[in-house]
C-alpha atoms as a PDB file:
ATOM      1  CA  MET A   1      25.067  16.621  18.751  1.00  0.00           C
ATOM      2  CA  PRO A   2      28.376  18.016  18.169  1.00  0.00           C
ATOM      3  CA  THR A   3      31.116  17.845  20.505  1.00  0.00           C
ATOM      4  CA  VAL A   4      32.153  21.272  21.918  1.00  0.00           C
ATOM      5  CA  ILE A   5      35.666  20.905  23.466  1.00  0.00           C
ATOM      6  CA  ARG A   6      36.286  23.580  26.284  1.00  0.00           C
ATOM      7  CA  ASP A   7      39.686  23.121  27.666  1.00  0.00           C
ATOM      8  CA  PRO A   8      42.528  22.734  25.126  1.00  0.00           C
ATOM      9  CA  SER A   9      44.836  20.955  27.224  1.00  0.00           C
ATOM     10  CA  ILE A  10      42.126  18.095  27.842  1.00  0.00           C
ATOM     11  CA  ALA A  11      42.088  17.993  24.509  1.00  0.00           C
ATOM     12  CA  ASN A  12      45.623  17.371  24.017  1.00  0.00           C
ATOM     13  CA  ALA A  13      45.903  15.434  27.019  1.00  0.00           C
ATOM     14  CA  ARG A  14      43.534  12.597  25.945  1.00  0.00           C
ATOM     15  CA  TRP A  15      43.897  12.616  21.820  1.00  0.00           C
ATOM     16  CA  GLY A  16      47.316  14.020  21.411  1.00  0.00           C
ATOM     17  CA  ARG A  17      46.448  17.123  19.463  1.00  0.00           C
ATOM     18  CA  ARG A  18      44.939  20.652  20.137  1.00  0.00           C
ATOM     19  CA  ASP A  19      41.324  21.625  19.937  1.00  0.00           C
ATOM     20  CA  MET A  20      40.820  25.314  20.467  1.00  0.00           C
ATOM     21  CA  LEU A  21      37.929  27.259  22.479  1.00  0.00           C
ATOM     22  CA  GLY A  22      34.577  26.309  20.411  1.00  0.00           C
ATOM     23  CA  THR A  23      35.907  23.647  17.962  1.00  0.00           C
ATOM     24  CA  THR A  24      33.456  21.366  17.187  1.00  0.00           C
ATOM     25  CA  HIS A  25      33.620  17.340  15.956  1.00  0.00           C
ATOM     26  CA  HIS A  26      30.581  16.038  13.568  1.00  0.00           C
ATOM     27  CA  GLU A  27      30.706  12.519  13.929  1.00  0.00           C
ATOM     28  CA  CYS A  28      30.238  10.464   9.958  1.00  0.00           C
ATOM     29  CA  GLY A  29      30.655   8.293   7.895  1.00  0.00           C
ATOM     30  CA  THR A  30      30.564   4.994  10.161  1.00  0.00           C
ATOM     31  CA  LEU A  31      27.881   4.054   6.963  1.00  0.00           C
ATOM     32  CA  ARG A  32      29.541   5.818   4.555  1.00  0.00           C
ATOM     33  CA  MET A  33      27.689   5.627   0.641  1.00  0.00           C
ATOM     34  CA  GLY A  34      29.256   5.178  -2.166  1.00  0.00           C
ATOM     35  CA  ASP A  35      29.172   2.890  -5.531  1.00  0.00           C
ATOM     36  CA  ASN A  36      32.099   1.100  -4.983  1.00  0.00           C
ATOM     37  CA  PRO A  37      31.253  -1.960  -2.957  1.00  0.00           C
ATOM     38  CA  GLY A  38      35.004  -2.226  -1.978  1.00  0.00           C
ATOM     39  CA  ASP A  39      34.952   1.139   0.023  1.00  0.00           C
ATOM     40  CA  SER A  40      31.160   1.944   0.892  1.00  0.00           C
ATOM     41  CA  VAL A  41      28.745  -0.432   3.418  1.00  0.00           C
ATOM     42  CA  THR A  42      25.735   1.609   2.241  1.00  0.00           C
ATOM     43  CA  ASP A  43      24.832   2.028  -1.473  1.00  0.00           C
ATOM     44  CA  SER A  44      23.475   5.366  -3.217  1.00  0.00           C
ATOM     45  CA  ASN A  45      20.175   4.437  -2.427  1.00  0.00           C
ATOM     46  CA  CYS A  46      21.190   4.575   1.081  1.00  0.00           C
ATOM     47  CA  GLN A  47      20.781   0.285   1.250  1.00  0.00           C
ATOM     48  CA  LEU A  48      23.042  -1.897   3.419  1.00  0.00           C
ATOM     49  CA  ARG A  49      24.882  -3.713   0.995  1.00  0.00           C
ATOM     50  CA  GLY A  50      24.558  -7.467   1.199  1.00  0.00           C
ATOM     51  CA  ILE A  51      20.939  -7.274   3.323  1.00  0.00           C
ATOM     52  CA  SER A  52      17.330  -6.590   2.373  1.00  0.00           C
ATOM     53  CA  ASN A  53      15.166  -3.852   3.152  1.00  0.00           C
ATOM     54  CA  VAL A  54      17.230  -2.313   5.791  1.00  0.00           C
ATOM     55  CA  TYR A  55      18.218   1.401   5.012  1.00  0.00           C
ATOM     56  CA  VAL A  56      20.132   4.410   6.998  1.00  0.00           C
ATOM     57  CA  ALA A  57      19.005   8.123   7.236  1.00  0.00           C
ATOM     58  CA  GLY A  58      21.543  10.703   8.862  1.00  0.00           C
ATOM     59  CA  PRO A  59      25.298  11.756   8.779  1.00  0.00           C
ATOM     60  CA  ALA A  60      26.585   7.863   9.226  1.00  0.00           C
ATOM     61  CA  LEU A  61      26.107   8.211   5.383  1.00  0.00           C
ATOM     62  CA  PHE A  62      28.121  10.778   4.409  1.00  0.00           C
ATOM     63  CA  PRO A  63      31.818   9.701   2.829  1.00  0.00           C
ATOM     64  CA  THR A  64      33.331  13.375   4.231  1.00  0.00           C
ATOM     65  CA  VAL A  65      32.232  16.126   5.952  1.00  0.00           C
ATOM     66  CA  GLY A  66      33.420  19.736   6.612  1.00  0.00           C
ATOM     67  CA  SER A  67      32.931  22.142   9.546  1.00  0.00           C
ATOM     68  CA  PRO A  68      29.637  23.177   9.050  1.00  0.00           C
ATOM     69  CA  ASN A  69      26.565  21.635  10.956  1.00  0.00           C
ATOM     70  CA  PRO A  70      25.439  18.807   8.530  1.00  0.00           C
ATOM     71  CA  MET A  71      21.873  18.936  10.078  1.00  0.00           C
ATOM     72  CA  LEU A  72      20.457  19.970   6.949  1.00  0.00           C
ATOM     73  CA  THR A  73      22.323  17.415   4.658  1.00  0.00           C
ATOM     74  CA  GLY A  74      21.444  14.846   6.702  1.00  0.00           C
ATOM     75  CA  ILE A  75      17.661  15.849   6.642  1.00  0.00           C
ATOM     76  CA  ALA A  76      17.962  16.187   2.651  1.00  0.00           C
ATOM     77  CA  LEU A  77      19.182  12.411   2.486  1.00  0.00           C
ATOM     78  CA  ALA A  78      16.605  11.182   4.672  1.00  0.00           C
ATOM     79  CA  ARG A  79      13.867  13.089   2.370  1.00  0.00           C
ATOM     80  CA  ARG A  80      15.515  11.634  -0.441  1.00  0.00           C
ATOM     81  CA  LEU A  81      15.373   7.794   1.171  1.00  0.00           C
ATOM     82  CA  GLY A  82      11.880   8.368   1.664  1.00  0.00           C
ATOM     83  CA  ASP A  83      10.771   9.373  -1.699  1.00  0.00           C
ATOM     84  CA  HIS A  84      13.130   6.143  -3.247  1.00  0.00           C
ATOM     85  CA  LEU A  85      10.960   4.141  -0.885  1.00  0.00           C
ATOM     86  CA  LEU A  86       7.685   5.755  -1.698  1.00  0.00           C
ATOM     87  CA  PRO A  87       7.615   7.958  -4.619  1.00  0.00           C
ATOM     88  CA  PRO A  88       4.796  10.243  -4.579  1.00  0.00           C
ATOM     89  CA  PRO A  89       1.763  10.239  -6.932  1.00  0.00           C
ATOM     90  CA  ASN A  90       1.820  11.137 -10.445  1.00  0.00           C
ATOM     91  CA  VAL A  91       0.305  15.116 -10.161  1.00  0.00           C
ATOM     92  CA  LEU A  92      -0.472  14.612 -13.306  1.00  0.00           C
ATOM     93  CA  ASN A  93      -3.579  12.809 -12.271  1.00  0.00           C
ATOM     94  CA  LEU A  94      -4.692  15.358 -10.417  1.00  0.00           C
ATOM     95  CA  ALA A  95      -4.103  18.183 -13.143  1.00  0.00           C
ATOM     96  CA  VAL A  96      -6.319  16.501 -15.824  1.00  0.00           C
ATOM     97  CA  ASP A  97     -10.067  16.615 -15.399  1.00  0.00           C
ATOM     98  CA  GLU A  98     -11.635  12.958 -16.339  1.00  0.00           C
ATOM     99  CA  PRO A  99     -14.701  13.314 -17.894  1.00  0.00           C
ATOM    100  CA  GLY A 100     -17.421  11.870 -15.587  1.00  0.00           C
ATOM    101  CA  PHE A 101     -15.278  10.871 -13.186  1.00  0.00           C
ATOM    102  CA  ARG A 102     -15.208  12.061  -9.231  1.00  0.00           C
ATOM    103  CA  TYR A 103     -12.515  12.125  -6.559  1.00  0.00           C
ATOM    104  CA  LEU A 104     -13.719   9.687  -3.248  1.00  0.00           C
ATOM    105  CA  PHE A 105      -9.794  10.393  -2.530  1.00  0.00           C
ATOM    106  CA  GLN A 106      -7.355  12.885  -3.805  1.00  0.00           C
ATOM    107  CA  GLY A 107      -5.357  13.917  -1.118  1.00  0.00           C
ATOM    108  CA  THR A 108      -6.135  17.713  -0.822  1.00  0.00           C
ATOM    109  CA  GLU A 109      -9.058  17.048   1.462  1.00  0.00           C
ATOM    110  CA  THR A 110      -9.519  18.363   5.419  1.00  0.00           C
ATOM    111  CA  ALA A 111      -9.322  15.653   7.768  1.00  0.00           C
ATOM    112  CA  THR A 112     -12.924  16.278   8.727  1.00  0.00           C
ATOM    113  CA  ALA A 113     -13.493  15.732   5.121  1.00  0.00           C
ATOM    114  CA  PHE A 114     -11.770  12.523   5.060  1.00  0.00           C
ATOM    115  CA  GLN A 115     -12.933  11.309   8.648  1.00  0.00           C
ATOM    116  CA  ARG A 116     -16.393  11.541   7.707  1.00  0.00           C
ATOM    117  CA  ASP A 117     -16.366   9.799   4.185  1.00  0.00           C
ATOM    118  CA  TRP A 118     -14.011   6.769   5.139  1.00  0.00           C
ATOM    119  CA  ILE A 119     -14.354   4.283   7.784  1.00  0.00           C
ATOM    120  CA  LYS A 120     -11.649   1.766   9.353  1.00  0.00           C
ATOM    121  CA  VAL A 121     -12.845  -1.421  10.737  1.00  0.00           C
ATOM    122  CA  GLY A 122     -10.761  -4.256  11.754  1.00  0.00           C
ATOM    123  CA  GLY A 123      -7.364  -4.604  12.628  1.00  0.00           C
ATOM    124  CA  GLY A 124      -4.538  -2.382  11.590  1.00  0.00           C
ATOM    125  CA  GLY A 125      -5.150   1.027   9.626  1.00  0.00           C
ATOM    126  CA  PHE A 126      -3.912   3.790   7.186  1.00  0.00           C
ATOM    127  CA  VAL A 127      -2.088   6.752   7.624  1.00  0.00           C
ATOM    128  CA  ARG A 128      -2.234   9.741   5.132  1.00  0.00           C
ATOM    129  CA  VAL A 129       1.098  10.544   3.865  1.00  0.00           C
ATOM    130  CA  GLY A 130       0.502  13.811   1.514  1.00  0.00           C
ATOM    131  CA  ARG A 131      -1.367  12.619  -1.181  1.00  0.00           C
ATOM    132  CA  THR A 132      -1.465   9.166  -0.382  1.00  0.00           C
ATOM    133  CA  LEU A 133      -2.824   6.547   2.137  1.00  0.00           C
ATOM    134  CA  ILE A 134      -0.393   4.092   3.179  1.00  0.00           C
ATOM    135  CA  ALA A 135      -1.698   0.626   5.020  1.00  0.00           C
ATOM    136  CA  ARG A 136      -0.265  -0.117   8.049  1.00  0.00           C
ATOM    137  CA  PRO A 137      -0.878  -3.505   9.198  1.00  0.00           C
ATOM    138  CA  GLY A 138      -1.360  -4.227  13.179  1.00  0.00           C
ATOM    139  CA  ASN A 139      -1.292  -7.455  15.408  1.00  0.00           C
ATOM    140  CA  ASP A 140      -5.277  -7.596  15.186  1.00  0.00           C
ATOM    141  CA  GLY A 141      -5.752  -9.283  11.866  1.00  0.00           C
ATOM    142  CA  ILE A 142      -6.601  -8.062   8.645  1.00  0.00           C
ATOM    143  CA  GLY A 143      -8.427  -4.326   8.268  1.00  0.00           C
ATOM    144  CA  LEU A 144     -10.877  -2.619   5.933  1.00  0.00           C
ATOM    145  CA  LEU A 145     -10.703   1.664   4.935  1.00  0.00           C
ATOM    146  CA  PHE A 146     -14.191   1.891   3.567  1.00  0.00           C
ATOM    147  CA  TYR A 147     -15.997   4.968   1.635  1.00  0.00           C
ATOM    148  CA  ALA A 148     -18.823   5.219   3.681  1.00  0.00           C
ATOM    149  CA  ALA A 149     -20.369   8.305   1.910  1.00  0.00           C
ATOM    150  CA  GLY A 150     -21.660   6.468  -0.955  1.00  0.00           C
ATOM    151  CA  GLN A 151     -22.704   3.267  -2.303  1.00  0.00           C
ATOM    152  CA  PHE A 152     -22.516   1.946  -5.977  1.00  0.00           C
ATOM    153  CA  ALA A 153     -24.459  -0.156  -8.685  1.00  0.00           C
ATOM    154  CA  ASP A 154     -22.422  -0.283 -12.019  1.00  0.00           C
ATOM    155  CA  PHE A 155     -19.314   1.799 -11.895  1.00  0.00           C
ATOM    156  CA  THR A 156     -15.760   2.138 -13.180  1.00  0.00           C
ATOM    157  CA  LEU A 157     -13.358   2.793 -10.409  1.00  0.00           C
ATOM    158  CA  ARG A 158      -9.956   3.878 -11.023  1.00  0.00           C
ATOM    159  CA  LEU A 159      -6.920   4.108  -8.802  1.00  0.00           C
ATOM    160  CA  ASP A 160      -2.846   4.325  -8.225  1.00  0.00           C
ATOM    161  CA  PHE A 161      -1.264   2.107  -5.829  1.00  0.00           C
ATOM    162  CA  CYS A 162       2.363   1.597  -4.723  1.00  0.00           C
ATOM    163  CA  LEU A 163       4.592  -1.522  -3.229  1.00  0.00           C
ATOM    164  CA  PRO A 164       7.410  -0.781  -1.587  1.00  0.00           C
ATOM    165  CA  HIS A 165       8.302  -4.458  -0.988  1.00  0.00           C
ATOM    166  CA  PRO A 166       6.311  -6.579  -3.467  1.00  0.00           C
ATOM    167  CA  ARG A 167       8.433  -9.850  -2.966  1.00  0.00           C
ATOM    168  CA  GLY A 168      10.086 -11.360   0.275  1.00  0.00           C
ATOM    169  CA  GLY A 169       8.951 -12.101   3.912  1.00  0.00           C
ATOM    170  CA  SER A 170       6.064  -9.889   4.746  1.00  0.00           C
ATOM    171  CA  ASN A 171       5.646  -8.555   1.363  1.00  0.00           C
ATOM    172  CA  ASP A 172       3.075  -6.044   0.476  1.00  0.00           C
ATOM    173  CA  ASN A 173       0.048  -7.784   0.321  1.00  0.00           C
ATOM    174  CA  SER A 174      -3.429  -5.873  -0.312  1.00  0.00           C
ATOM    175  CA  GLY A 175      -6.750  -5.508  -2.261  1.00  0.00           C
ATOM    176  CA  VAL A 176      -9.484  -3.469  -3.229  1.00  0.00           C
ATOM    177  CA  PHE A 177     -13.123  -4.508  -2.460  1.00  0.00           C
ATOM    178  CA  VAL A 178     -16.145  -3.732  -4.631  1.00  0.00           C
ATOM    179  CA  ARG A 179     -19.828  -4.110  -4.010  1.00  0.00           C
ATOM    180  CA  PHE A 180     -19.557  -5.218  -0.623  1.00  0.00           C
ATOM    181  CA  ARG A 181     -22.350  -4.842   2.576  1.00  0.00           C
ATOM    182  CA  ASP A 182     -22.053  -2.630   5.108  1.00  0.00           C
ATOM    183  CA  PRO A 183     -20.077  -3.228   8.337  1.00  0.00           C
ATOM    184  CA  ARG A 184     -21.681  -1.373  10.708  1.00  0.00           C
ATOM    185  CA  VAL A 185     -24.999  -3.868  10.231  1.00  0.00           C
ATOM    186  CA  PRO A 186     -25.929  -7.142  11.420  1.00  0.00           C
ATOM    187  CA  VAL A 187     -24.613  -9.733   9.108  1.00  0.00           C
ATOM    188  CA  LEU A 188     -26.867 -11.251   6.889  1.00  0.00           C
ATOM    189  CA  PRO A 189     -28.166 -14.577   8.110  1.00  0.00           C
ATOM    190  CA  GLY A 190     -27.147 -17.133   6.105  1.00  0.00           C
ATOM    191  CA  THR A 191     -23.755 -15.378   4.895  1.00  0.00           C
ATOM    192  CA  PRO A 192     -20.829 -17.997   4.101  1.00  0.00           C
ATOM    193  CA  GLY A 193     -17.835 -17.331   6.572  1.00  0.00           C
ATOM    194  CA  PRO A 194     -17.214 -15.394   8.427  1.00  0.00           C
ATOM    195  CA  ASN A 195     -13.562 -15.449   6.751  1.00  0.00           C
ATOM    196  CA  VAL A 196     -12.126 -14.464   9.750  1.00  0.00           C
ATOM    197  CA  PRO A 197     -14.260 -14.722  13.290  1.00  0.00           C
ATOM    198  CA  ASN A 198     -14.978 -11.298  15.097  1.00  0.00           C
ATOM    199  CA  ASN A 199     -13.490  -9.119  12.669  1.00  0.00           C
ATOM    200  CA  PRO A 200     -15.849  -6.663  10.772  1.00  0.00           C
ATOM    201  CA  ALA A 201     -13.138  -6.017   8.138  1.00  0.00           C
ATOM    202  CA  SER A 202     -14.451 -10.007   7.268  1.00  0.00           C
ATOM    203  CA  VAL A 203     -17.656  -8.604   5.499  1.00  0.00           C
ATOM    204  CA  ALA A 204     -15.910  -7.234   2.518  1.00  0.00           C
ATOM    205  CA  VAL A 205     -14.650 -10.629   1.925  1.00  0.00           C
ATOM    206  CA  ASP A 206     -17.549 -12.623   2.603  1.00  0.00           C
ATOM    207  CA  THR A 207     -20.350 -10.149   0.532  1.00  0.00           C
ATOM    208  CA  GLY A 208     -17.670  -8.390  -1.994  1.00  0.00           C
ATOM    209  CA  TYR A 209     -15.227  -8.859  -4.654  1.00  0.00           C
ATOM    210  CA  GLU A 210     -11.233  -8.128  -3.466  1.00  0.00           C
ATOM    211  CA  ILE A 211      -9.142  -7.357  -6.984  1.00  0.00           C
ATOM    212  CA  GLN A 212      -5.928  -8.565  -5.192  1.00  0.00           C
ATOM    213  CA  ILE A 213      -2.533  -7.174  -4.925  1.00  0.00           C
ATOM    214  CA  ASP A 214      -0.021  -9.771  -4.023  1.00  0.00           C
ATOM    215  CA  GLU A 215       2.992 -10.412  -6.158  1.00  0.00           C
ATOM    216  CA  GLU A 216       3.597 -13.344  -4.840  1.00  0.00           C
ATOM    217  CA  ALA A 217       0.168 -14.896  -4.405  1.00  0.00           C
ATOM    218  CA  ARG A 218       0.371 -16.324  -1.135  1.00  0.00           C
ATOM    219  CA  GLY A 219      -2.017 -19.096   0.063  1.00  0.00           C
ATOM    220  CA  ASP A 220      -4.123 -19.006   2.550  1.00  0.00           C
ATOM    221  CA  THR A 221      -2.014 -20.879   5.620  1.00  0.00           C
ATOM    222  CA  ARG A 222      -5.155 -21.751   7.711  1.00  0.00           C
ATOM    223  CA  LEU A 223      -6.381 -24.024   4.263  1.00  0.00           C
ATOM    224  CA  GLY A 224      -2.454 -25.342   3.978  1.00  0.00           C
ATOM    225  CA  GLU A 225      -2.650 -23.710   0.478  1.00  0.00           C
ATOM    226  CA  PRO A 226       0.608 -23.436  -1.307  1.00  0.00           C
ATOM    227  CA  ASP A 227       1.639 -19.896  -2.818  1.00  0.00           C
ATOM    228  CA  GLY A 228       1.453 -19.208  -6.541  1.00  0.00           C
ATOM    229  CA  ASN A 229      -1.902 -19.906  -7.393  1.00  0.00           C
ATOM    230  CA  PRO A 230      -3.091 -17.538  -9.826  1.00  0.00           C
ATOM    231  CA  PHE A 231      -6.604 -16.437  -8.621  1.00  0.00           C
ATOM    232  CA  ASN A 232      -4.447 -15.286  -5.334  1.00  0.00           C
ATOM    233  CA  ARG A 233      -1.942 -12.587  -7.463  1.00  0.00           C
ATOM    234  CA  THR A 234      -2.200  -9.272  -8.191  1.00  0.00           C
ATOM    235  CA  GLY A 235      -4.956  -8.453 -10.978  1.00  0.00           C
ATOM    236  CA  ALA A 236      -7.001 -11.453  -9.852  1.00  0.00           C
ATOM    237  CA  ILE A 237     -10.375 -11.634  -8.345  1.00  0.00           C
ATOM    238  CA  TYR A 238      -9.339 -13.245  -5.271  1.00  0.00           C
ATOM    239  CA  LYS A 239     -10.203 -16.607  -5.038  1.00  0.00           C
ATOM    240  CA  VAL A 240     -12.177 -17.117  -7.797  1.00  0.00           C
ATOM    241  CA  PRO A 241     -11.410 -20.149  -9.570  1.00  0.00           C
ATOM    242  CA  LEU A 242      -9.647 -19.674 -13.357  1.00  0.00           C
ATOM    243  CA  GLY A 243     -11.163 -20.716 -16.807  1.00  0.00           C
ATOM    244  CA  ASN A 244     -13.968 -19.693 -19.137  1.00  0.00           C
ATOM    245  CA  GLY A 245     -17.454 -20.939 -17.766  1.00  0.00           C
ATOM    246  CA  PRO A 246     -19.919 -19.632 -15.021  1.00  0.00           C
ATOM    247  CA  GLY A 247     -18.407 -18.203 -12.473  1.00  0.00           C
ATOM    248  CA  GLN A 248     -14.563 -18.757 -13.413  1.00  0.00           C
ATOM    249  CA  GLN A 249     -12.383 -15.728 -14.567  1.00  0.00           C
ATOM    250  CA  ASN A 250     -10.115 -15.084 -17.363  1.00  0.00           C
ATOM    251  CA  TYR A 251      -6.985 -14.570 -15.846  1.00  0.00           C
ATOM    252  CA  ARG A 252      -4.152 -13.037 -18.407  1.00  0.00           C
ATOM    253  CA  ASN A 253      -1.706 -10.884 -16.196  1.00  0.00           C
ATOM    254  CA  ASN A 254       1.828 -11.250 -17.045  1.00  0.00           C
ATOM    255  CA  GLN A 255       3.048  -8.533 -15.503  1.00  0.00           C
ATOM    256  CA  SER A 256       5.890  -8.309 -12.797  1.00  0.00           C
ATOM    257  CA  LEU A 257       5.455  -5.178 -10.938  1.00  0.00           C
ATOM    258  CA  ALA A 258       8.439  -3.295 -10.087  1.00  0.00           C
ATOM    259  CA  PRO A 259       8.771  -2.229  -6.260  1.00  0.00           C
ATOM    260  CA  GLY A 260       8.886   1.528  -5.209  1.00  0.00           C
ATOM    261  CA  VAL A 261       6.772   2.892  -8.556  1.00  0.00           C
ATOM    262  CA  TRP A 262       3.174   3.523  -9.048  1.00  0.00           C
ATOM    263  CA  HIS A 263       0.775   1.381 -10.902  1.00  0.00           C
ATOM    264  CA  THR A 264      -2.683   1.598 -11.578  1.00  0.00           C
ATOM    265  CA  TYR A 265      -5.832   0.104 -11.947  1.00  0.00           C
ATOM    266  CA  GLU A 266      -9.463   0.434 -13.699  1.00  0.00           C
ATOM    267  CA  ILE A 267     -11.778  -1.816 -12.084  1.00  0.00           C
ATOM    268  CA  ALA A 268     -15.066  -1.742 -13.970  1.00  0.00           C
ATOM    269  CA  VAL A 269     -18.234  -3.362 -12.421  1.00  0.00           C
ATOM    270  CA  GLN A 270     -21.681  -3.832 -14.547  1.00  0.00           C
ATOM    271  CA  GLY A 271     -24.266  -6.231 -13.421  1.00  0.00           C
ATOM    272  CA  ARG A 272     -22.854  -9.121 -12.734  1.00  0.00           C
ATOM    273  CA  ALA A 273     -19.333  -8.678 -14.959  1.00  0.00           C
ATOM    274  CA  TYR A 274     -16.189  -7.661 -13.387  1.00  0.00           C
ATOM    275  CA  SER A 275     -13.115  -6.708 -15.765  1.00  0.00           C
ATOM    276  CA  VAL A 276      -9.968  -5.339 -14.567  1.00  0.00           C
ATOM    277  CA  LEU A 277      -6.739  -3.052 -16.154  1.00  0.00           C
ATOM    278  CA  LEU A 278      -3.654  -3.485 -14.711  1.00  0.00           C
ATOM    279  CA  ASN A 279      -1.193  -0.647 -15.813  1.00  0.00           C
ATOM    280  CA  GLY A 280      -3.694  -0.365 -18.538  1.00  0.00           C
ATOM    281  CA  GLN A 281      -3.320  -3.868 -19.975  1.00  0.00           C
ATOM    282  CA  PRO A 282      -6.830  -6.409 -19.397  1.00  0.00           C
ATOM    283  CA  SER A 283      -5.639  -8.806 -16.311  1.00  0.00           C
ATOM    284  CA  THR A 284      -9.010 -10.564 -15.699  1.00  0.00           C
ATOM    285  CA  ALA A 285     -12.494 -10.479 -16.359  1.00  0.00           C
ATOM    286  CA  PHE A 286     -14.985 -12.505 -14.667  1.00  0.00           C
ATOM    287  CA  THR A 287     -19.340 -12.714 -14.621  1.00  0.00           C
ATOM    288  CA  ALA A 288     -20.658 -14.399 -11.606  1.00  0.00           C
ATOM    289  CA  ASN A 289     -22.643 -17.185 -12.146  1.00  0.00           C
ATOM    290  CA  PRO A 290     -26.658 -16.847 -10.826  1.00  0.00           C
ATOM    291  CA  ALA A 291     -26.729 -20.493 -10.038  1.00  0.00           C
ATOM    292  CA  ASP A 292     -24.183 -19.759  -6.856  1.00  0.00           C
ATOM    293  CA  PRO A 293     -26.238 -19.806  -3.847  1.00  0.00           C
ATOM    294  CA  ASN A 294     -23.500 -17.940  -2.435  1.00  0.00           C
ATOM    295  CA  GLU A 295     -24.690 -15.137  -5.148  1.00  0.00           C
ATOM    296  CA  ARG A 296     -27.419 -13.916  -3.199  1.00  0.00           C
ATOM    297  CA  PHE A 297     -24.805 -12.546  -0.237  1.00  0.00           C
ATOM    298  CA  ARG A 298     -22.280 -11.362  -2.727  1.00  0.00           C
ATOM    299  CA  GLY A 299     -21.735  -8.717  -4.766  1.00  0.00           C
ATOM    300  CA  ARG A 300     -24.916  -6.832  -4.420  1.00  0.00           C
ATOM    301  CA  ALA A 301     -25.191  -3.618  -6.001  1.00  0.00           C
ATOM    302  CA  VAL A 302     -26.894  -0.987  -4.006  1.00  0.00           C
ATOM    303  CA  THR A 303     -30.315  -1.144  -5.931  1.00  0.00           C
ATOM    304  CA  GLU A 304     -30.530  -4.895  -4.955  1.00  0.00           C
ATOM    305  CA  ASP A 305     -29.416  -4.235  -1.165  1.00  0.00           C
ATOM    306  CA  PRO A 306     -29.902  -0.668   0.238  1.00  0.00           C
ATOM    307  CA  VAL A 307     -26.935  -1.944   2.160  1.00  0.00           C
ATOM    308  CA  SER A 308     -24.503  -3.287  -0.216  1.00  0.00           C
ATOM    309  CA  GLY A 309     -22.663  -1.569  -2.821  1.00  0.00           C
ATOM    310  CA  PHE A 310     -19.438  -0.040  -1.053  1.00  0.00           C
ATOM    311  CA  ILE A 311     -16.112   0.347  -1.945  1.00  0.00           C
ATOM    312  CA  GLY A 312     -12.599  -0.355   0.391  1.00  0.00           C
ATOM    313  CA  LEU A 313      -9.044  -1.340   0.417  1.00  0.00           C
ATOM    314  CA  GLN A 314      -7.850  -3.549   2.503  1.00  0.00           C
ATOM    315  CA  VAL A 315      -4.953  -3.894   5.477  1.00  0.00           C
ATOM    316  CA  HIS A 316      -2.971  -7.282   5.472  1.00  0.00           C
ATOM    317  CA  THR A 317       0.591  -7.425   5.131  1.00  0.00           C
ATOM    318  CA  GLY A 318       3.072  -4.759   4.202  1.00  0.00           C
ATOM    319  CA  THR A 319       2.961  -1.097   3.682  1.00  0.00           C
ATOM    320  CA  VAL A 320       0.901  -0.924   0.334  1.00  0.00           C
ATOM    321  CA  ALA A 321       0.353   2.840  -0.500  1.00  0.00           C
ATOM    322  CA  PHE A 322      -2.665   4.353  -2.502  1.00  0.00           C
ATOM    323  CA  ALA A 323      -3.548   7.575  -4.389  1.00  0.00           C
ATOM    324  CA  ASN A 324      -5.926   8.996  -6.887  1.00  0.00           C
ATOM    325  CA  ILE A 325      -8.916   7.037  -5.867  1.00  0.00           C
ATOM    326  CA  ARG A 326     -11.916   7.987  -8.597  1.00  0.00           C
ATOM    327  CA  VAL A 327     -14.886   6.713  -9.830  1.00  0.00           C
ATOM    328  CA  SER A 328     -17.364   7.317 -12.532  1.00  0.00           C
ATOM    329  CA  PRO A 329     -20.460   7.868 -12.074  1.00  0.00           C
END
């Protein structure tokens, strides 16, 4: 709020200067932004110098200020920072019809339609911001947002995702689940797991396949697993062993995903075969081994199991954003 000086004599006595009735002051510049580290505290993207993942919004950024109220300039900087941290999804994806594809989420749905079609179970949650879905982890374990309005047998799924913080402490970690059983029904006797006890989101882990999103391939601390295993990295089918034999995945992703930009997944499922394109490049391919006893619980099409064949998004760590989720047929 501006400081209004009502009595010039008080101003003169306290600060050795005269401010006339109605004079206002707008504080600014305590965290001034600039390109030169020698005379600025924050850089041109509002980030505090020398501190990762800490940003400033408001007049504290201003190097100088005039007499008009700086509120609109402060709001404009805050909106600019928001677009830098999470840029809006590419509008071209919505402008171009894709023959044979339909949208499960495009961001223009009413709140009623979205709440009818998408259901969250387990921990954390998702928030809608414009045309995006942003994962918000909680202290109650992993979560799952799944498309409850339809199930799938063979299909191709396309979507966009953004990683504001792909590396470092509490980095962005999520995934796309395909062909899992309905979390709302009783667990099928004999199902392995649960991966997370007393958490319905575990059903997607135990009965489906997860196309991973994690640039640092974090290991499962419960198993003493080290970080860096390729089957835990972006573009891989989570925890499926690497190789060319039955039940192994041919993982060949060498991309390093940039923060704050939108990336694309195309996930194709045909019979027992799964293939993934990351930003248009093959990242993995996998055919489930029919001799694996877990296959009778996992990755079943709706034509094989009437309560299976669902698609969903994971809430794990970080604030992964999703947009333009579409499927064929």
